[in-house]
């Protein structure tokens, strides 16, 4: 596992110290992994995988599942939340009707949930379709 970690450090041009500071995984923990004194805990593996934008499987084996669907980045999630927040304000205004009846809070929540799922799927599909091959992970 540590060899793959070192490859990621080189690939992204960061130091183990910088990764330790950013993830909260101590340098002594990283040193213990390097020397084989301990094995990584799952929560630390998750932190490192998230930091580098890879899966835990990749961190362990160096191989990524090629069929894996694209993941949303925090910016994508934030964009979706902003759109939903402004839409929610519109949907909660008085006068919104469905089949002549006022919209219930449950109906509004259902609409927002469906919109969120649709936007997440669209973002993932666009990432898959429009990301140039040179930026895709093999």
N, C-alpha and C. Protein backbone atom coordinates (compact mmCIF):
# COMPACT_ATOMS: atom_id res chain seq x y z
N UNK A 1 0.82 -1.19 0.00
CA UNK A 1 0.00 0.00 0.00
C UNK A 1 0.87 1.25 0.00
N UNK A 2 1.94 1.26 0.76
CA UNK A 2 2.76 2.46 0.87
C UNK A 2 3.40 2.82 -0.47
N UNK A 3 3.72 1.81 -1.29
CA UNK A 3 4.32 2.07 -2.59
C UNK A 3 3.35 2.88 -3.46
N UNK A 4 2.09 2.52 -3.41
CA UNK A 4 1.08 3.23 -4.19
C UNK A 4 0.92 4.64 -3.64
N UNK A 5 0.95 4.78 -2.33
CA UNK A 5 0.90 6.09 -1.69
C UNK A 5 2.06 6.97 -2.20
N UNK A 6 3.25 6.40 -2.25
CA UNK A 6 4.41 7.15 -2.74
C UNK A 6 4.24 7.54 -4.22
N UNK A 7 3.67 6.66 -5.01
CA UNK A 7 3.42 6.98 -6.41
C UNK A 7 2.45 8.15 -6.54
N UNK A 8 1.43 8.16 -5.70
CA UNK A 8 0.48 9.26 -5.71
C UNK A 8 1.13 10.57 -5.27
N UNK A 9 2.03 10.48 -4.29
CA UNK A 9 2.76 11.68 -3.85
C UNK A 9 3.53 12.28 -5.02
N UNK A 10 4.23 11.41 -5.75
CA UNK A 10 5.02 11.87 -6.90
C UNK A 10 4.12 12.41 -8.01
N UNK A 11 3.05 11.70 -8.29
CA UNK A 11 2.14 12.09 -9.37
C UNK A 11 1.57 13.49 -9.12
N UNK A 12 1.19 13.77 -7.88
CA UNK A 12 0.57 15.06 -7.56
C UNK A 12 1.56 16.09 -7.03
N UNK A 13 2.82 15.71 -6.89
CA UNK A 13 3.85 16.65 -6.47
C UNK A 13 3.64 17.20 -5.07
N UNK A 14 3.20 16.34 -4.16
CA UNK A 14 3.01 16.76 -2.77
C UNK A 14 3.90 15.92 -1.86
N UNK A 15 4.13 16.42 -0.67
CA UNK A 15 4.94 15.69 0.29
C UNK A 15 4.04 14.93 1.25
N UNK A 16 4.61 13.94 1.90
CA UNK A 16 3.87 13.18 2.90
C UNK A 16 3.44 14.11 4.03
N UNK A 17 4.29 15.09 4.34
CA UNK A 17 3.97 16.05 5.39
C UNK A 17 2.70 16.84 5.04
N UNK A 18 2.60 17.30 3.80
CA UNK A 18 1.44 18.07 3.37
C UNK A 18 0.18 17.20 3.42
N UNK A 19 0.28 15.96 2.99
CA UNK A 19 -0.86 15.05 3.02
C UNK A 19 -1.27 14.79 4.47
N UNK A 20 -0.28 14.60 5.34
CA UNK A 20 -0.57 14.35 6.75
C UNK A 20 -1.33 15.54 7.35
N UNK A 21 -0.89 16.74 7.06
CA UNK A 21 -1.56 17.94 7.58
C UNK A 21 -2.98 18.06 7.04
N UNK A 22 -3.15 17.79 5.75
CA UNK A 22 -4.45 17.95 5.12
C UNK A 22 -5.47 16.90 5.54
N UNK A 23 -4.98 15.67 5.81
CA UNK A 23 -5.90 14.57 6.11
C UNK A 23 -6.05 14.28 7.60
N UNK A 24 -5.08 14.71 8.40
CA UNK A 24 -5.12 14.39 9.82
C UNK A 24 -4.49 13.05 10.15
N UNK A 25 -3.96 12.37 9.14
CA UNK A 25 -3.22 11.13 9.36
C UNK A 25 -1.80 11.53 9.75
N UNK A 26 -1.36 11.13 10.92
CA UNK A 26 -0.07 11.61 11.41
C UNK A 26 1.10 11.06 10.60
N UNK A 27 2.19 11.82 10.62
CA UNK A 27 3.39 11.37 9.91
C UNK A 27 3.95 10.09 10.53
N UNK A 28 3.81 9.95 11.84
CA UNK A 28 4.30 8.72 12.47
C UNK A 28 3.50 7.51 11.98
N UNK A 29 2.21 7.71 11.75
CA UNK A 29 1.39 6.63 11.20
C UNK A 29 1.87 6.26 9.81
N UNK A 30 2.15 7.27 9.00
CA UNK A 30 2.66 7.01 7.64
C UNK A 30 4.00 6.28 7.69
N UNK A 31 4.87 6.69 8.62
CA UNK A 31 6.18 6.04 8.78
C UNK A 31 6.02 4.59 9.21
N UNK A 32 5.08 4.33 10.12
CA UNK A 32 4.83 2.95 10.55
C UNK A 32 4.36 2.09 9.39
N UNK A 33 3.54 2.65 8.51
CA UNK A 33 3.10 1.90 7.33
C UNK A 33 4.28 1.60 6.43
N UNK A 34 5.13 2.60 6.25
CA UNK A 34 6.28 2.44 5.37
C UNK A 34 7.20 1.34 5.86
N UNK A 35 7.41 1.30 7.16
CA UNK A 35 8.31 0.30 7.75
C UNK A 35 7.64 -1.05 8.01
N UNK A 36 6.33 -1.11 7.79
CA UNK A 36 5.61 -2.35 8.01
C UNK A 36 5.29 -2.63 9.47
N UNK A 37 5.38 -1.63 10.31
CA UNK A 37 5.09 -1.79 11.74
C UNK A 37 3.60 -1.89 12.02
N UNK A 38 2.79 -1.29 11.15
CA UNK A 38 1.34 -1.35 11.34
C UNK A 38 0.66 -1.35 9.99
N UNK A 39 -0.61 -1.71 10.01
CA UNK A 39 -1.41 -1.68 8.80
C UNK A 39 -2.41 -0.52 8.91
N UNK A 40 -2.75 0.06 7.81
CA UNK A 40 -3.66 1.22 7.83
C UNK A 40 -5.05 0.86 8.32
N UNK A 41 -5.62 1.75 9.12
CA UNK A 41 -7.01 1.59 9.55
C UNK A 41 -7.90 2.08 8.41
N UNK A 42 -9.10 1.56 8.35
CA UNK A 42 -10.00 1.89 7.24
C UNK A 42 -10.32 3.38 7.18
N UNK A 43 -10.48 4.04 8.34
CA UNK A 43 -10.80 5.47 8.29
C UNK A 43 -9.63 6.30 7.73
N UNK A 44 -8.40 5.87 8.03
CA UNK A 44 -7.23 6.56 7.47
C UNK A 44 -7.10 6.30 5.97
N UNK A 45 -7.40 5.09 5.55
CA UNK A 45 -7.38 4.76 4.12
C UNK A 45 -8.39 5.63 3.37
N UNK A 46 -9.55 5.80 3.96
CA UNK A 46 -10.60 6.61 3.35
C UNK A 46 -10.14 8.06 3.21
N UNK A 47 -9.50 8.59 4.25
CA UNK A 47 -9.00 9.97 4.21
C UNK A 47 -7.99 10.14 3.08
N UNK A 48 -7.06 9.20 2.97
CA UNK A 48 -6.04 9.29 1.92
C UNK A 48 -6.66 9.12 0.52
N UNK A 49 -7.57 8.17 0.40
CA UNK A 49 -8.22 7.95 -0.89
C UNK A 49 -9.00 9.20 -1.31
N UNK A 50 -9.72 9.81 -0.38
CA UNK A 50 -10.46 11.03 -0.69
C UNK A 50 -9.52 12.16 -1.06
N UNK A 51 -8.41 12.27 -0.36
CA UNK A 51 -7.45 13.34 -0.64
C UNK A 51 -6.94 13.25 -2.08
N UNK A 52 -6.61 12.04 -2.52
CA UNK A 52 -6.06 11.86 -3.86
C UNK A 52 -7.13 11.64 -4.93
N UNK A 53 -8.39 11.50 -4.51
CA UNK A 53 -9.46 11.27 -5.47
C UNK A 53 -9.44 9.90 -6.08
N UNK A 54 -9.02 8.90 -5.30
CA UNK A 54 -8.99 7.52 -5.77
C UNK A 54 -9.84 6.67 -4.83
N UNK A 55 -10.06 5.44 -5.22
CA UNK A 55 -10.81 4.53 -4.34
C UNK A 55 -9.85 3.86 -3.35
N UNK A 56 -10.42 3.32 -2.30
CA UNK A 56 -9.61 2.57 -1.33
C UNK A 56 -8.99 1.36 -2.02
N UNK A 57 -9.75 0.75 -2.93
CA UNK A 57 -9.22 -0.40 -3.69
C UNK A 57 -7.96 0.00 -4.46
N UNK A 58 -7.99 1.18 -5.07
CA UNK A 58 -6.81 1.63 -5.81
C UNK A 58 -5.64 1.82 -4.86
N UNK A 59 -5.89 2.38 -3.70
CA UNK A 59 -4.83 2.61 -2.73
C UNK A 59 -4.22 1.29 -2.25
N UNK A 60 -5.05 0.26 -2.18
CA UNK A 60 -4.57 -1.05 -1.73
C UNK A 60 -3.89 -1.85 -2.84
N UNK A 61 -4.45 -1.80 -4.05
CA UNK A 61 -3.97 -2.69 -5.13
C UNK A 61 -3.26 -1.97 -6.26
N UNK A 62 -3.53 -0.67 -6.40
CA UNK A 62 -2.97 0.07 -7.53
C UNK A 62 -3.80 -0.09 -8.79
N UNK A 63 -4.93 -0.79 -8.67
CA UNK A 63 -5.80 -1.00 -9.84
C UNK A 63 -7.16 -0.40 -9.54
N UNK A 64 -7.66 0.33 -10.51
CA UNK A 64 -8.97 0.97 -10.39
C UNK A 64 -9.96 0.17 -11.21
N UNK A 65 -11.16 0.01 -10.71
CA UNK A 65 -12.22 -0.66 -11.45
C UNK A 65 -12.57 0.21 -12.65
N UNK A 66 -12.33 -0.29 -13.86
CA UNK A 66 -12.55 0.51 -15.06
C UNK A 66 -14.02 0.77 -15.33
N UNK A 67 -14.90 -0.02 -14.74
CA UNK A 67 -16.33 0.16 -14.95
C UNK A 67 -16.95 1.12 -13.93
N UNK A 68 -16.14 1.65 -13.06
CA UNK A 68 -16.63 2.52 -12.00
C UNK A 68 -17.18 3.81 -12.60
N UNK A 69 -18.35 4.22 -12.12
CA UNK A 69 -18.93 5.46 -12.64
C UNK A 69 -18.24 6.66 -12.01
N UNK A 70 -18.23 7.77 -12.72
CA UNK A 70 -17.58 8.97 -12.20
C UNK A 70 -18.21 9.42 -10.88
N UNK A 71 -17.39 9.98 -10.01
CA UNK A 71 -17.86 10.45 -8.72
C UNK A 71 -17.99 11.97 -8.74
N UNK A 72 -18.95 12.47 -7.97
CA UNK A 72 -19.12 13.90 -7.86
C UNK A 72 -18.08 14.48 -6.91
N UNK A 73 -17.55 15.59 -7.27
CA UNK A 73 -16.58 16.29 -6.42
C UNK A 73 -17.36 17.22 -5.49
N UNK A 74 -16.73 17.68 -4.41
CA UNK A 74 -17.43 18.58 -3.49
C UNK A 74 -18.03 19.81 -4.19
N UNK A 75 -17.34 20.34 -5.20
CA UNK A 75 -17.87 21.50 -5.93
C UNK A 75 -19.16 21.14 -6.64
N UNK A 76 -19.23 19.94 -7.22
CA UNK A 76 -20.45 19.50 -7.90
C UNK A 76 -21.61 19.43 -6.91
N UNK A 77 -21.34 18.85 -5.74
CA UNK A 77 -22.39 18.73 -4.72
C UNK A 77 -22.85 20.10 -4.25
N UNK A 78 -21.91 21.03 -4.10
CA UNK A 78 -22.25 22.39 -3.67
C UNK A 78 -23.11 23.07 -4.72
N UNK A 79 -22.77 22.91 -5.99
CA UNK A 79 -23.55 23.50 -7.07
C UNK A 79 -25.00 22.98 -7.05
N UNK A 80 -25.14 21.68 -6.86
CA UNK A 80 -26.47 21.08 -6.82
C UNK A 80 -27.25 21.62 -5.62
N UNK A 81 -26.60 21.71 -4.46
CA UNK A 81 -27.27 22.23 -3.27
C UNK A 81 -27.75 23.66 -3.47
N UNK A 82 -26.93 24.48 -4.14
CA UNK A 82 -27.32 25.88 -4.39
C UNK A 82 -28.55 25.94 -5.30
N UNK A 83 -28.56 25.13 -6.33
CA UNK A 83 -29.70 25.11 -7.25
C UNK A 83 -30.95 24.65 -6.51
N UNK A 84 -30.82 23.60 -5.70
CA UNK A 84 -31.97 23.09 -4.96
C UNK A 84 -32.49 24.11 -3.94
N UNK A 85 -31.58 24.84 -3.31
CA UNK A 85 -31.99 25.84 -2.32
C UNK A 85 -32.83 26.94 -2.99
N UNK A 86 -32.38 27.42 -4.14
CA UNK A 86 -33.16 28.46 -4.82
C UNK A 86 -34.48 27.91 -5.35
N UNK A 87 -34.47 26.67 -5.81
CA UNK A 87 -35.70 26.04 -6.30
C UNK A 87 -36.67 25.82 -5.15
N UNK A 88 -36.14 25.43 -4.00
CA UNK A 88 -37.00 25.19 -2.84
C UNK A 88 -37.75 26.45 -2.45
N UNK A 89 -37.08 27.60 -2.52
CA UNK A 89 -37.75 28.87 -2.22
C UNK A 89 -38.92 29.11 -3.16
N UNK A 90 -38.72 28.80 -4.44
CA UNK A 90 -39.80 28.96 -5.41
C UNK A 90 -40.96 28.01 -5.13
N UNK A 91 -40.62 26.76 -4.81
CA UNK A 91 -41.66 25.76 -4.60
C UNK A 91 -42.47 25.98 -3.32
N UNK A 92 -41.90 26.70 -2.36
CA UNK A 92 -42.60 26.91 -1.08
C UNK A 92 -43.43 28.18 -1.07
N UNK A 93 -43.46 28.88 -2.19
CA UNK A 93 -44.30 30.08 -2.26
C UNK A 93 -45.77 29.69 -2.27
N UNK A 94 -46.60 30.58 -1.75
CA UNK A 94 -48.04 30.34 -1.78
C UNK A 94 -48.52 30.32 -3.22
N UNK A 95 -49.51 29.48 -3.46
CA UNK A 95 -50.13 29.45 -4.78
C UNK A 95 -49.66 28.31 -5.66
N UNK A 96 -48.69 27.53 -5.22
CA UNK A 96 -48.24 26.39 -6.03
C UNK A 96 -49.32 25.31 -5.96
N UNK A 97 -49.81 24.91 -7.12
CA UNK A 97 -50.93 23.97 -7.17
C UNK A 97 -50.57 22.76 -8.03
N UNK A 98 -51.15 21.62 -7.65
CA UNK A 98 -51.08 20.39 -8.44
C UNK A 98 -52.51 19.89 -8.62
N UNK A 99 -52.93 19.78 -9.85
CA UNK A 99 -54.30 19.34 -10.16
C UNK A 99 -55.34 20.15 -9.39
N UNK A 100 -55.10 21.43 -9.24
CA UNK A 100 -56.06 22.31 -8.58
C UNK A 100 -55.99 22.32 -7.07
N UNK A 101 -55.11 21.53 -6.48
CA UNK A 101 -54.97 21.49 -5.02
C UNK A 101 -53.64 22.13 -4.63
N UNK A 102 -53.59 22.80 -3.46
CA UNK A 102 -52.32 23.36 -3.01
C UNK A 102 -51.27 22.26 -2.81
N UNK A 103 -50.02 22.58 -3.13
CA UNK A 103 -48.94 21.60 -2.99
C UNK A 103 -48.66 21.34 -1.52
N UNK A 104 -48.60 20.07 -1.16
CA UNK A 104 -48.30 19.70 0.22
C UNK A 104 -46.79 19.75 0.44
N UNK A 105 -46.34 19.87 1.69
CA UNK A 105 -44.89 19.84 1.95
C UNK A 105 -44.25 18.55 1.45
N UNK A 106 -44.99 17.45 1.52
CA UNK A 106 -44.46 16.16 1.05
C UNK A 106 -44.24 16.19 -0.46
N UNK A 107 -45.18 16.83 -1.19
CA UNK A 107 -45.05 16.92 -2.64
C UNK A 107 -43.83 17.77 -3.01
N UNK A 108 -43.62 18.88 -2.30
CA UNK A 108 -42.48 19.74 -2.56
C UNK A 108 -41.18 18.98 -2.28
N UNK A 109 -41.15 18.25 -1.18
CA UNK A 109 -39.96 17.46 -0.82
C UNK A 109 -39.69 16.38 -1.87
N UNK A 110 -40.75 15.78 -2.36
CA UNK A 110 -40.61 14.74 -3.38
C UNK A 110 -40.03 15.33 -4.68
N UNK A 111 -40.51 16.50 -5.05
CA UNK A 111 -40.00 17.17 -6.25
C UNK A 111 -38.52 17.48 -6.09
N UNK A 112 -38.14 18.02 -4.93
CA UNK A 112 -36.74 18.37 -4.69
C UNK A 112 -35.85 17.13 -4.71
N UNK A 113 -36.32 16.04 -4.14
CA UNK A 113 -35.53 14.79 -4.14
C UNK A 113 -35.33 14.28 -5.57
N UNK A 114 -36.38 14.32 -6.34
CA UNK A 114 -36.28 13.87 -7.73
C UNK A 114 -35.33 14.76 -8.52
N UNK A 115 -35.39 16.07 -8.27
CA UNK A 115 -34.48 16.99 -8.96
C UNK A 115 -33.03 16.71 -8.58
N UNK A 116 -32.79 16.45 -7.29
CA UNK A 116 -31.43 16.18 -6.83
C UNK A 116 -30.87 14.93 -7.51
N UNK A 117 -31.66 13.88 -7.52
CA UNK A 117 -31.21 12.63 -8.16
C UNK A 117 -30.93 12.86 -9.64
N UNK A 118 -31.83 13.60 -10.32
CA UNK A 118 -31.65 13.87 -11.74
C UNK A 118 -30.39 14.69 -12.02
N UNK A 119 -30.14 15.71 -11.19
CA UNK A 119 -28.95 16.54 -11.39
C UNK A 119 -27.67 15.76 -11.12
N UNK A 120 -27.68 14.90 -10.10
CA UNK A 120 -26.49 14.08 -9.81
C UNK A 120 -26.21 13.13 -10.97
N UNK A 121 -27.26 12.50 -11.49
CA UNK A 121 -27.08 11.59 -12.61
C UNK A 121 -26.56 12.33 -13.84
N UNK A 122 -27.11 13.52 -14.10
CA UNK A 122 -26.69 14.30 -15.27
C UNK A 122 -25.22 14.72 -15.13
N UNK A 123 -24.81 15.16 -13.94
CA UNK A 123 -23.41 15.57 -13.73
C UNK A 123 -22.47 14.38 -13.97
N UNK A 124 -22.83 13.21 -13.42
CA UNK A 124 -21.99 12.02 -13.59
C UNK A 124 -21.91 11.63 -15.07
N UNK A 125 -23.04 11.67 -15.76
CA UNK A 125 -23.06 11.32 -17.18
C UNK A 125 -22.21 12.29 -17.99
N UNK A 126 -22.29 13.57 -17.66
CA UNK A 126 -21.48 14.57 -18.37
C UNK A 126 -20.00 14.37 -18.10
N UNK A 127 -19.64 14.00 -16.86
CA UNK A 127 -18.24 13.73 -16.55
C UNK A 127 -17.74 12.56 -17.39
N UNK A 128 -18.57 11.54 -17.49
CA UNK A 128 -18.20 10.34 -18.25
C UNK A 128 -18.07 10.66 -19.73
N UNK A 129 -18.99 11.45 -20.24
CA UNK A 129 -19.04 11.72 -21.68
C UNK A 129 -18.02 12.77 -22.13
N UNK A 130 -17.80 13.80 -21.31
CA UNK A 130 -17.01 14.93 -21.77
C UNK A 130 -15.61 15.05 -21.17
N UNK A 131 -15.22 14.13 -20.28
CA UNK A 131 -13.87 14.17 -19.74
C UNK A 131 -12.91 13.58 -20.77
N UNK A 132 -11.91 14.35 -21.19
CA UNK A 132 -10.95 13.82 -22.16
C UNK A 132 -10.23 12.59 -21.63
N UNK A 133 -9.90 11.68 -22.52
CA UNK A 133 -9.26 10.42 -22.12
C UNK A 133 -7.98 10.63 -21.34
N UNK A 134 -7.25 11.69 -21.65
CA UNK A 134 -5.97 11.91 -20.95
C UNK A 134 -6.18 12.22 -19.48
N UNK A 135 -7.39 12.65 -19.07
CA UNK A 135 -7.65 12.96 -17.67
C UNK A 135 -8.37 11.82 -16.95
N UNK A 136 -8.77 10.81 -17.70
CA UNK A 136 -9.43 9.67 -17.07
C UNK A 136 -8.38 8.77 -16.45
N UNK A 137 -8.73 8.19 -15.29
CA UNK A 137 -7.81 7.28 -14.61
C UNK A 137 -7.96 5.91 -15.23
N UNK A 138 -6.85 5.28 -15.51
CA UNK A 138 -6.87 3.93 -16.10
C UNK A 138 -7.05 2.88 -15.04
